[in-house]
Every structure is written in structure tokens, then in C-alpha cells.
């Protein structure tokens, strides 16, 4: 009674056993799979003024993934995806699940980036250990629910074009960098700061606050693993600076890693974006 795990291409990296369904990146009207899109080349084209968007997978893509899981001997699938408030990917997965040849539980994580990847990883580990479909889905949802993610785009232009930020997070004509929280699946503006240095200081403070919250929760991290992932879109210097600041005083012995965003996410937050995620994943 094996449970298979499926996700979308904005989760990366994932275990080889996890099936991945691609979103598309659309540059000047020409679509290409996210897996076949080079991030650096995409950011360069965005900087040069190319019109960049994204497109969800078709239900057929998910239907093929679910059929392949059934053919491989799986009895059920847990399909774990980026926020349904930001993408139609979850909707496509649910449409395909309705006609799948096996049980499919679709999990809308309400997350993006490293938080989604962590949720997929927890699901994959549980499935590999023989957990049933309900347990696998619950673990993915639990990791997603306890994650916290913040982004700071270098400019609001790409958020404005894509309509991905709530409130004034995507208003054009504002020179300060927005700091955005992923909340209830949406990008919610917290504040605007004038310099990248102030943005990095604020992100460090937000991470430290979240870690204190976790430490104060009775048994919150018992048997679990806490880490911080710095995420960026072509902002290697700022990301490494943020990593140093976190290690120097905000997070103690908590691991801090740096990871580039996927091309789809980078298309929406734009070149120069930086952010971080505080994650709690199950211990093994």
C-alpha cells in the first residue's frame, strides 16, 4: 500500500522519488518549461526589459503523473503544491485528481519556495517510511503551516504586473523596497525600507522573532529540525550578507542555507529579490 508524492516545479530540490509537474515561464509570449529555464538567463532578459510571465500546468500533466504512480504500484498519491492563492496549479491538480485511477490527496500548502520544498520533503520521507496517505498529507500540511516566509523585491514592478501582492505591496512609483510576508497563501506587505541594508536588518529581526516564538511553544520543536533558508533571485551578495548576519547573532546554532529561487518565483519577485524562510521539519 505505497503512497506516491507529486509536486510542481517550484519546489526544488526534491527527492528523486517525487514526481514533478512543470509550470511554464513565458518570455515575450514564448512559453518554456520551468525545468528547461536557466535562472541567470531569465533574470538577464528581465533586466533587459523582456515581458515575463508564468503559466500553470494543465490538468493533463497531473493526470499523467497520477496515472504513472498507479502504474508503478502506488495505491494513493499526495500531491503537494504552491499556494493556490498565487497560482492555478492546485486547481489543475484537483481537476486531474477527480478522474485519477487511484486516491489523490491534493495539499494546498499556502507556501512558496523553501517552505514548499520542506513540505514536499516531509511528505516524501513519510511515504518512504510507509506512512499512509492521510499521514503523508498531514505532515506536508503541518510543515507548511509552521513555516514563515518573507521576501523583499528590489522593485515592485514585477509584483504589480503579475498582481501577486495584496495591499500596497505592488504599487508602482514607490522607491523604497517592500518587505512582504507570505500569509494565508498571499504576499502581504509589512513595510517599506529605503536601503538594502535596512531590509536585511529587518529580515534578521523577523527571523529572530519567529525563532523565539518557536522556542516559547511548549514542545514545539521536540523531535523536529529548525532551519533558516535565505532565498534570492540573482542577489548572491545580499543573500550571503544576510546569511552572515543571521549566523552572527540572530539564530544561534540553527543552520542557515542559501538557495536561489526557482525561475517561476523569480519571474514574479524580479531580479535582485532576497528573502528567507524559517522552517520546522519532523525529526527522523
Protein backbone atom coordinates (compact mmCIF):
# COMPACT_ATOMS: atom_id res chain seq x y z
CA UNK A 1 0.00 0.00 0.00
CA UNK A 2 2.54 2.57 -1.19
CA UNK A 3 1.83 6.30 -1.23
CA UNK A 4 3.48 8.32 -4.01
CA UNK A 5 4.29 12.03 -3.80
CA UNK A 6 3.80 14.53 -6.63
CA UNK A 7 4.70 18.21 -6.63
CA UNK A 8 5.24 21.11 -9.02
CA UNK A 9 8.47 22.53 -10.40
CA UNK A 10 8.63 25.48 -8.00
CA UNK A 11 9.69 23.01 -5.28
CA UNK A 12 13.39 22.36 -5.61
CA UNK A 13 15.41 20.35 -4.98
CA UNK A 14 13.24 17.30 -4.26
CA UNK A 15 13.97 13.60 -3.80
CA UNK A 16 14.23 11.52 -7.00
CA UNK A 17 11.18 9.50 -5.96
CA UNK A 18 8.97 12.62 -6.13
CA UNK A 19 7.24 13.21 -9.48
CA UNK A 20 7.43 16.83 -10.65
CA UNK A 21 4.93 18.55 -12.95
CA UNK A 22 6.29 21.64 -14.68
CA UNK A 23 4.92 25.14 -14.74
CA UNK A 24 5.89 27.28 -17.73
CA UNK A 25 7.86 30.50 -17.87
CA UNK A 26 6.61 32.77 -20.67
CA UNK A 27 9.15 35.25 -22.09
CA UNK A 28 7.87 37.73 -24.68
CA UNK A 29 4.98 35.40 -25.38
CA UNK A 30 7.07 32.23 -25.79
CA UNK A 31 6.46 29.52 -23.17
CA UNK A 32 9.13 27.15 -21.90
CA UNK A 33 9.06 24.58 -19.13
CA UNK A 34 10.46 25.74 -15.82
CA UNK A 35 12.81 22.75 -15.78
CA UNK A 36 14.30 23.95 -19.06
CA UNK A 37 14.66 27.60 -17.98
CA UNK A 38 18.05 28.90 -16.86
CA UNK A 39 17.57 31.31 -13.95
CA UNK A 40 20.50 33.59 -14.74
CA UNK A 41 19.49 33.92 -18.39
CA UNK A 42 15.90 34.65 -17.35
CA UNK A 43 16.97 37.37 -14.92
CA UNK A 44 19.19 38.94 -17.57
CA UNK A 45 16.28 39.08 -20.01
CA UNK A 46 14.03 40.60 -17.35
CA UNK A 47 16.65 43.25 -16.61
CA UNK A 48 16.84 44.00 -20.34
CA UNK A 49 13.10 44.63 -20.42
CA UNK A 50 11.60 41.34 -21.64
CA UNK A 51 7.96 40.74 -20.76
CA UNK A 52 7.94 37.71 -18.47
CA UNK A 53 5.02 35.77 -17.04
CA UNK A 54 4.21 32.24 -15.96
CA UNK A 55 1.59 29.61 -16.71
CA UNK A 56 0.22 26.82 -14.55
CA UNK A 57 0.44 23.18 -15.65
CA UNK A 58 -2.51 21.70 -17.50
CA UNK A 59 -4.67 19.11 -15.71
CA UNK A 60 -3.38 16.63 -18.29
CA UNK A 61 0.12 16.99 -16.88
CA UNK A 62 -1.11 15.98 -13.46
CA UNK A 63 -3.29 13.23 -14.88
CA UNK A 64 -0.20 11.68 -16.47
CA UNK A 65 1.72 11.89 -13.20
CA UNK A 66 -1.11 10.24 -11.26
CA UNK A 67 -1.53 7.51 -13.88
CA UNK A 68 2.22 6.82 -13.75
CA UNK A 69 2.06 6.49 -9.96
CA UNK A 70 -0.76 3.97 -10.27
CA UNK A 71 1.14 2.03 -12.96
CA UNK A 72 4.19 1.86 -10.67
CA UNK A 73 2.13 0.16 -7.95
CA UNK A 74 1.16 3.09 -5.73
CA UNK A 75 -2.20 2.85 -4.02
CA UNK A 76 -2.52 6.61 -3.41
CA UNK A 77 -0.89 9.95 -4.22
CA UNK A 78 -0.27 13.02 -2.10
CA UNK A 79 0.08 16.00 -4.45
CA UNK A 80 1.78 18.93 -2.70
CA UNK A 81 1.80 22.38 -4.29
CA UNK A 82 2.50 26.07 -4.05
CA UNK A 83 -0.16 28.42 -2.78
CA UNK A 84 -3.47 28.28 -4.60
CA UNK A 85 -3.93 31.99 -3.90
CA UNK A 86 -0.87 32.72 -6.05
CA UNK A 87 -1.18 30.10 -8.78
CA UNK A 88 -3.79 27.94 -10.51
CA UNK A 89 -1.54 24.89 -10.07
CA UNK A 90 -3.59 23.47 -7.19
CA UNK A 91 -6.78 23.87 -9.21
CA UNK A 92 -5.25 21.92 -12.11
CA UNK A 93 -4.13 19.19 -9.71
CA UNK A 94 -7.63 18.90 -8.23
CA UNK A 95 -9.23 18.68 -11.67
CA UNK A 96 -6.90 15.82 -12.56
CA UNK A 97 -7.40 14.12 -9.18
CA UNK A 98 -11.14 13.83 -9.82
CA UNK A 99 -10.50 11.42 -12.69
CA UNK A 100 -7.39 9.67 -11.40
CA UNK A 101 -7.21 5.84 -11.23
CA UNK A 102 -6.22 5.96 -7.54
CA UNK A 103 -6.85 8.09 -4.49
CA UNK A 104 -5.23 11.54 -4.71
CA UNK A 105 -4.98 13.96 -1.80
CA UNK A 106 -4.11 17.47 -3.03
CA UNK A 107 -2.39 19.70 -0.46
CA UNK A 108 -2.51 23.46 -1.00
CA UNK A 109 0.43 24.43 1.22
CA UNK A 110 -0.23 28.15 1.06
CA UNK A 111 3.55 28.39 0.68
CA UNK A 112 6.20 29.05 -1.93
CA UNK A 113 9.90 28.37 -2.30
CA UNK A 114 11.82 26.72 0.50
CA UNK A 115 8.69 26.23 2.63
CA UNK A 116 7.03 24.27 -0.17
CA UNK A 117 10.21 22.26 -0.69
CA UNK A 118 10.32 21.41 3.02
CA UNK A 119 6.67 20.29 2.96
CA UNK A 120 7.36 18.06 -0.05
CA UNK A 121 10.45 16.66 1.66
CA UNK A 122 8.49 15.77 4.79
CA UNK A 123 5.85 14.06 2.67
CA UNK A 124 8.45 12.10 0.71
CA UNK A 125 10.23 10.91 3.86
CA UNK A 126 6.97 9.79 5.43
CA UNK A 127 5.91 7.98 2.27
CA UNK A 128 9.28 6.23 2.08
CA UNK A 129 8.80 5.10 5.69
CA UNK A 130 5.46 3.53 4.77
CA UNK A 131 3.07 6.15 6.19
CA UNK A 132 -0.47 6.05 4.84
CA UNK A 133 -1.92 8.74 2.61
CA UNK A 134 -3.57 10.69 5.42
CA UNK A 135 -0.38 10.81 7.47
CA UNK A 136 1.70 11.88 4.48
CA UNK A 137 -0.73 14.68 3.62
CA UNK A 138 -0.96 15.81 7.25
CA UNK A 139 2.82 16.05 7.59
CA UNK A 140 3.09 18.16 4.44
CA UNK A 141 0.34 20.48 5.65
CA UNK A 142 1.90 20.69 9.12
CA UNK A 143 5.33 21.72 7.87
CA UNK A 144 3.73 24.31 5.59
CA UNK A 145 1.57 25.69 8.38
CA UNK A 146 4.50 26.26 10.71
CA UNK A 147 6.79 27.84 8.14
CA UNK A 148 7.26 31.60 7.84
CA UNK A 149 8.47 33.21 4.63
CA UNK A 150 9.38 36.81 3.79
CA UNK A 151 10.52 38.43 0.55
CA UNK A 152 11.89 41.82 -0.39
CA UNK A 153 11.83 42.55 -4.14
CA UNK A 154 14.26 45.16 -5.41
CA UNK A 155 11.32 46.85 -7.14
CA UNK A 156 7.55 46.49 -7.11
CA UNK A 157 7.32 46.45 -10.90
CA UNK A 158 7.07 42.68 -11.35
CA UNK A 159 4.60 42.25 -8.48
CA UNK A 160 2.47 44.99 -9.99
CA UNK A 161 2.46 43.37 -13.41
CA UNK A 162 1.56 39.94 -12.02
CA UNK A 163 -0.94 41.14 -9.41
CA UNK A 164 0.61 38.82 -6.82
CA UNK A 165 0.87 41.21 -3.84
CA UNK A 166 -2.03 42.31 -1.65
CA UNK A 167 -2.45 45.84 -0.35
CA UNK A 168 0.20 48.33 -1.49
CA UNK A 169 2.94 45.75 -1.96
CA UNK A 170 2.71 46.07 -5.71
CA UNK A 171 2.06 49.79 -6.09
CA UNK A 172 4.33 51.35 -8.70
CA UNK A 173 6.16 54.61 -8.20
CA UNK A 174 7.36 53.86 -4.67
CA UNK A 175 11.16 53.87 -4.44
CA UNK A 176 11.55 52.02 -1.14
CA UNK A 177 11.82 48.24 -1.13
CA UNK A 178 8.75 46.39 0.14
CA UNK A 179 9.07 43.67 2.77
CA UNK A 180 6.39 41.03 2.18
CA UNK A 181 5.12 38.17 4.33
CA UNK A 182 3.56 35.05 2.85
CA UNK A 183 0.32 34.92 4.89
CA UNK A 184 -2.76 32.81 4.14
CA UNK A 185 -1.13 31.96 0.83
CA UNK A 186 -0.73 35.58 -0.29
CA UNK A 187 2.09 38.12 -0.37
CA UNK A 188 1.13 40.68 2.26
CA UNK A 189 3.12 43.95 2.61
CA UNK A 190 4.59 44.63 6.04
CA UNK A 191 6.55 47.81 5.40
CA UNK A 192 8.86 49.66 3.01
CA UNK A 193 12.51 50.43 3.70
CA UNK A 194 14.85 52.76 1.86
CA UNK A 195 18.02 50.69 1.66
CA UNK A 196 19.01 47.07 1.16
CA UNK A 197 20.94 47.19 4.43
CA UNK A 198 17.80 48.12 6.35
CA UNK A 199 15.89 45.39 4.56
CA UNK A 200 18.47 42.80 5.62
CA UNK A 201 18.38 44.06 9.21
CA UNK A 202 14.60 43.75 9.20
CA UNK A 203 14.68 40.22 7.80
CA UNK A 204 17.15 39.21 10.51
CA UNK A 205 14.81 40.65 13.15
CA UNK A 206 11.80 38.84 11.69
CA UNK A 207 13.67 35.53 11.68
CA UNK A 208 14.82 36.06 15.27
CA UNK A 209 11.25 36.84 16.37
CA UNK A 210 9.97 33.64 14.77
CA UNK A 211 12.70 31.55 16.37
CA UNK A 212 11.82 33.00 19.77
CA UNK A 213 8.17 32.11 19.15
CA UNK A 214 9.16 28.54 18.36
CA UNK A 215 11.34 28.30 21.45
CA UNK A 216 8.44 29.53 23.59
CA UNK A 217 5.98 26.96 22.25
CA UNK A 218 5.84 24.04 24.67
CA UNK A 219 7.24 21.06 22.79
CA UNK A 220 7.00 22.92 19.51
CA UNK A 221 10.23 21.58 18.08
CA UNK A 222 10.54 18.36 20.07
CA UNK A 223 11.90 15.74 17.73
CA UNK A 224 11.98 18.29 14.92
CA UNK A 225 14.54 20.24 12.98
CA UNK A 226 14.62 24.04 12.70
CA UNK A 227 16.46 25.80 9.91
CA UNK A 228 16.58 29.08 8.04
CA UNK A 229 16.83 29.26 4.25
CA UNK A 230 17.89 32.51 2.57
CA UNK A 231 16.32 32.80 -0.89
CA UNK A 232 17.20 35.16 -3.71
CA UNK A 233 16.80 35.97 -7.41
CA UNK A 234 20.25 36.85 -8.67
CA UNK A 235 21.13 38.69 -5.43
CA UNK A 236 24.03 36.47 -4.37
CA UNK A 237 25.88 39.21 -2.50
CA UNK A 238 22.84 40.31 -0.49
CA UNK A 239 21.92 36.69 0.21
CA UNK A 240 25.39 35.88 1.54
CA UNK A 241 25.37 39.09 3.60
CA UNK A 242 22.02 38.07 5.08
CA UNK A 243 23.37 34.61 5.84
CA UNK A 244 26.33 36.16 7.70
CA UNK A 245 24.09 38.49 9.68
CA UNK A 246 21.85 35.61 10.71
CA UNK A 247 24.78 33.45 11.76
CA UNK A 248 26.46 36.28 13.67
CA UNK A 249 23.71 36.79 16.19
CA UNK A 250 20.13 36.05 15.26
CA UNK A 251 19.81 32.31 15.07
CA UNK A 252 22.48 30.73 17.25
CA UNK A 253 23.11 27.14 16.20
CA UNK A 254 20.21 26.95 13.74
CA UNK A 255 21.52 26.03 10.25
CA UNK A 256 21.32 28.79 7.64
CA UNK A 257 21.46 27.86 3.95
CA UNK A 258 21.33 29.96 0.79
CA UNK A 259 19.20 28.83 -2.14
CA UNK A 260 18.23 30.54 -5.43
CA UNK A 261 14.56 30.89 -6.22
CA UNK A 262 13.02 28.85 -9.00
CA UNK A 263 12.54 30.66 -12.33
CA UNK A 264 8.76 30.87 -11.83
CA UNK A 265 9.10 32.56 -8.45
CA UNK A 266 11.89 34.80 -9.72
CA UNK A 267 9.62 35.90 -12.57
CA UNK A 268 7.20 37.34 -10.02
CA UNK A 269 9.52 38.91 -7.44
CA UNK A 270 12.03 40.06 -10.05
CA UNK A 271 15.82 40.39 -10.28
CA UNK A 272 17.51 41.37 -7.03
CA UNK A 273 14.84 39.97 -4.72
CA UNK A 274 16.00 38.49 -1.42
CA UNK A 275 14.15 36.82 1.40
CA UNK A 276 14.17 34.00 3.88
CA UNK A 277 12.12 31.17 5.33
CA UNK A 278 12.10 29.77 8.85
CA UNK A 279 11.22 26.08 8.69
CA UNK A 280 10.37 23.36 11.19
CA UNK A 281 10.50 19.84 9.78
CA UNK A 282 9.96 16.49 11.50
CA UNK A 283 12.97 14.76 13.01
CA UNK A 284 13.97 11.33 11.77
